[in-house]
C-alpha atoms as a PDB file:
ATOM      1  CA  UNK A   1     -12.133  24.932   4.823  1.00  0.00           C
ATOM      2  CA  UNK A   2     -15.239  23.880   2.943  1.00  0.00           C
ATOM      3  CA  UNK A   3     -16.194  20.287   3.652  1.00  0.00           C
ATOM      4  CA  UNK A   4     -18.041  17.942   1.309  1.00  0.00           C
ATOM      5  CA  UNK A   5     -21.586  16.993   2.232  1.00  0.00           C
ATOM      6  CA  UNK A   6     -21.708  14.439   5.068  1.00  0.00           C
ATOM      7  CA  UNK A   7     -23.768  12.154   2.812  1.00  0.00           C
ATOM      8  CA  UNK A   8     -20.519  11.479   0.893  1.00  0.00           C
ATOM      9  CA  UNK A   9     -18.957   9.771   3.913  1.00  0.00           C
ATOM     10  CA  UNK A  10     -20.504   6.422   2.982  1.00  0.00           C
ATOM     11  CA  UNK A  11     -19.149   6.493  -0.578  1.00  0.00           C
ATOM     12  CA  UNK A  12     -15.645   7.479   0.538  1.00  0.00           C
ATOM     13  CA  UNK A  13     -15.616   4.931   3.369  1.00  0.00           C
ATOM     14  CA  UNK A  14     -16.715   2.114   1.063  1.00  0.00           C
ATOM     15  CA  UNK A  15     -14.214   3.150  -1.622  1.00  0.00           C
ATOM     16  CA  UNK A  16     -11.454   2.666   0.951  1.00  0.00           C
ATOM     17  CA  UNK A  17     -12.943  -0.613   2.193  1.00  0.00           C
ATOM     18  CA  UNK A  18     -13.418   0.635   5.762  1.00  0.00           C
ATOM     19  CA  UNK A  19     -16.021  -0.496   8.272  1.00  0.00           C
ATOM     20  CA  UNK A  20     -17.786   1.873  10.650  1.00  0.00           C
ATOM     21  CA  UNK A  21     -15.661   0.455  13.479  1.00  0.00           C
ATOM     22  CA  UNK A  22     -12.397   1.137  11.616  1.00  0.00           C
ATOM     23  CA  UNK A  23     -13.479   4.699  10.856  1.00  0.00           C
ATOM     24  CA  UNK A  24     -14.457   5.161  14.502  1.00  0.00           C
ATOM     25  CA  UNK A  25     -10.963   4.046  15.544  1.00  0.00           C
ATOM     26  CA  UNK A  26      -9.345   6.557  13.151  1.00  0.00           C
ATOM     27  CA  UNK A  27     -11.576   9.507  14.079  1.00  0.00           C
ATOM     28  CA  UNK A  28     -12.909   9.046  17.599  1.00  0.00           C
ATOM     29  CA  UNK A  29     -16.440   9.562  16.235  1.00  0.00           C
ATOM     30  CA  UNK A  30     -18.794   6.767  17.335  1.00  0.00           C
ATOM     31  CA  UNK A  31     -19.801   4.213  14.754  1.00  0.00           C
ATOM     32  CA  UNK A  32     -23.465   4.788  15.550  1.00  0.00           C
ATOM     33  CA  UNK A  33     -23.131   8.507  14.730  1.00  0.00           C
ATOM     34  CA  UNK A  34     -21.220   7.701  11.540  1.00  0.00           C
ATOM     35  CA  UNK A  35     -23.993   5.309  10.510  1.00  0.00           C
ATOM     36  CA  UNK A  36     -26.702   7.875  11.292  1.00  0.00           C
ATOM     37  CA  UNK A  37     -24.843  10.572   9.349  1.00  0.00           C
ATOM     38  CA  UNK A  38     -24.501   8.279   6.323  1.00  0.00           C
ATOM     39  CA  UNK A  39     -28.221   7.541   6.327  1.00  0.00           C
ATOM     40  CA  UNK A  40     -29.155  11.202   6.846  1.00  0.00           C
ATOM     41  CA  UNK A  41     -30.772  10.557  10.230  1.00  0.00           C
ATOM     42  CA  UNK A  42     -28.370  12.765  12.198  1.00  0.00           C
ATOM     43  CA  UNK A  43     -26.311  15.907  11.786  1.00  0.00           C
ATOM     44  CA  UNK A  44     -22.905  16.172  13.398  1.00  0.00           C
ATOM     45  CA  UNK A  45     -20.862  19.153  14.451  1.00  0.00           C
ATOM     46  CA  UNK A  46     -18.439  20.748  12.023  1.00  0.00           C
ATOM     47  CA  UNK A  47     -15.512  19.391  14.051  1.00  0.00           C
ATOM     48  CA  UNK A  48     -16.664  15.785  13.828  1.00  0.00           C
ATOM     49  CA  UNK A  49     -17.383  15.970  10.102  1.00  0.00           C
ATOM     50  CA  UNK A  50     -13.985  17.589   9.576  1.00  0.00           C
ATOM     51  CA  UNK A  51     -12.234  14.806  11.545  1.00  0.00           C
ATOM     52  CA  UNK A  52     -13.971  12.167   9.431  1.00  0.00           C
ATOM     53  CA  UNK A  53     -13.013  13.737   6.094  1.00  0.00           C
ATOM     54  CA  UNK A  54      -9.444  14.397   7.253  1.00  0.00           C
ATOM     55  CA  UNK A  55      -9.112  10.735   8.287  1.00  0.00           C
ATOM     56  CA  UNK A  56     -10.578   9.524   4.979  1.00  0.00           C
ATOM     57  CA  UNK A  57      -8.154  11.767   3.102  1.00  0.00           C
ATOM     58  CA  UNK A  58      -5.190  10.599   5.187  1.00  0.00           C
ATOM     59  CA  UNK A  59      -6.107   6.926   4.676  1.00  0.00           C
ATOM     60  CA  UNK A  60      -6.548   7.357   0.919  1.00  0.00           C
ATOM     61  CA  UNK A  61      -3.145   9.035   0.610  1.00  0.00           C
ATOM     62  CA  UNK A  62      -1.483   6.283   2.652  1.00  0.00           C
ATOM     63  CA  UNK A  63      -1.910   3.891  -0.287  1.00  0.00           C
ATOM     64  CA  UNK A  64      -0.571   6.308  -2.903  1.00  0.00           C
ATOM     65  CA  UNK A  65       2.931   5.697  -4.183  1.00  0.00           C
ATOM     66  CA  UNK A  66       5.468   8.475  -4.376  1.00  0.00           C
ATOM     67  CA  UNK A  67       8.393   8.798  -6.764  1.00  0.00           C
ATOM     68  CA  UNK A  68      10.688   7.611  -3.967  1.00  0.00           C
ATOM     69  CA  UNK A  69       8.682   4.386  -3.671  1.00  0.00           C
ATOM     70  CA  UNK A  70       9.221   3.377  -7.301  1.00  0.00           C
ATOM     71  CA  UNK A  71      12.575   4.881  -8.224  1.00  0.00           C
ATOM     72  CA  UNK A  72      15.777   2.871  -8.444  1.00  0.00           C
ATOM     73  CA  UNK A  73      18.509   4.294  -6.266  1.00  0.00           C
ATOM     74  CA  UNK A  74      21.439   2.826  -8.219  1.00  0.00           C
ATOM     75  CA  UNK A  75      22.202   4.479 -11.542  1.00  0.00           C
ATOM     76  CA  UNK A  76      21.920   2.072 -14.458  1.00  0.00           C
ATOM     77  CA  UNK A  77      23.934   2.962 -17.522  1.00  0.00           C
END
């Protein structure tokens, strides 16, 4: 799996309206490390970066609607 650059974490996190603390809760990666990664002051292991992007992806898909969410179950004729 090829991961996006860790500098994109900030943009994705902000797009979803998440704080560092909320992202920490979802990933188990400390908010201080997340902040340092976003500012380019620290590099994290592949595993931590992967956990962050997987959580961001999962959170973004949580808000997406599926066909089952919008379909009407009773047939209208």
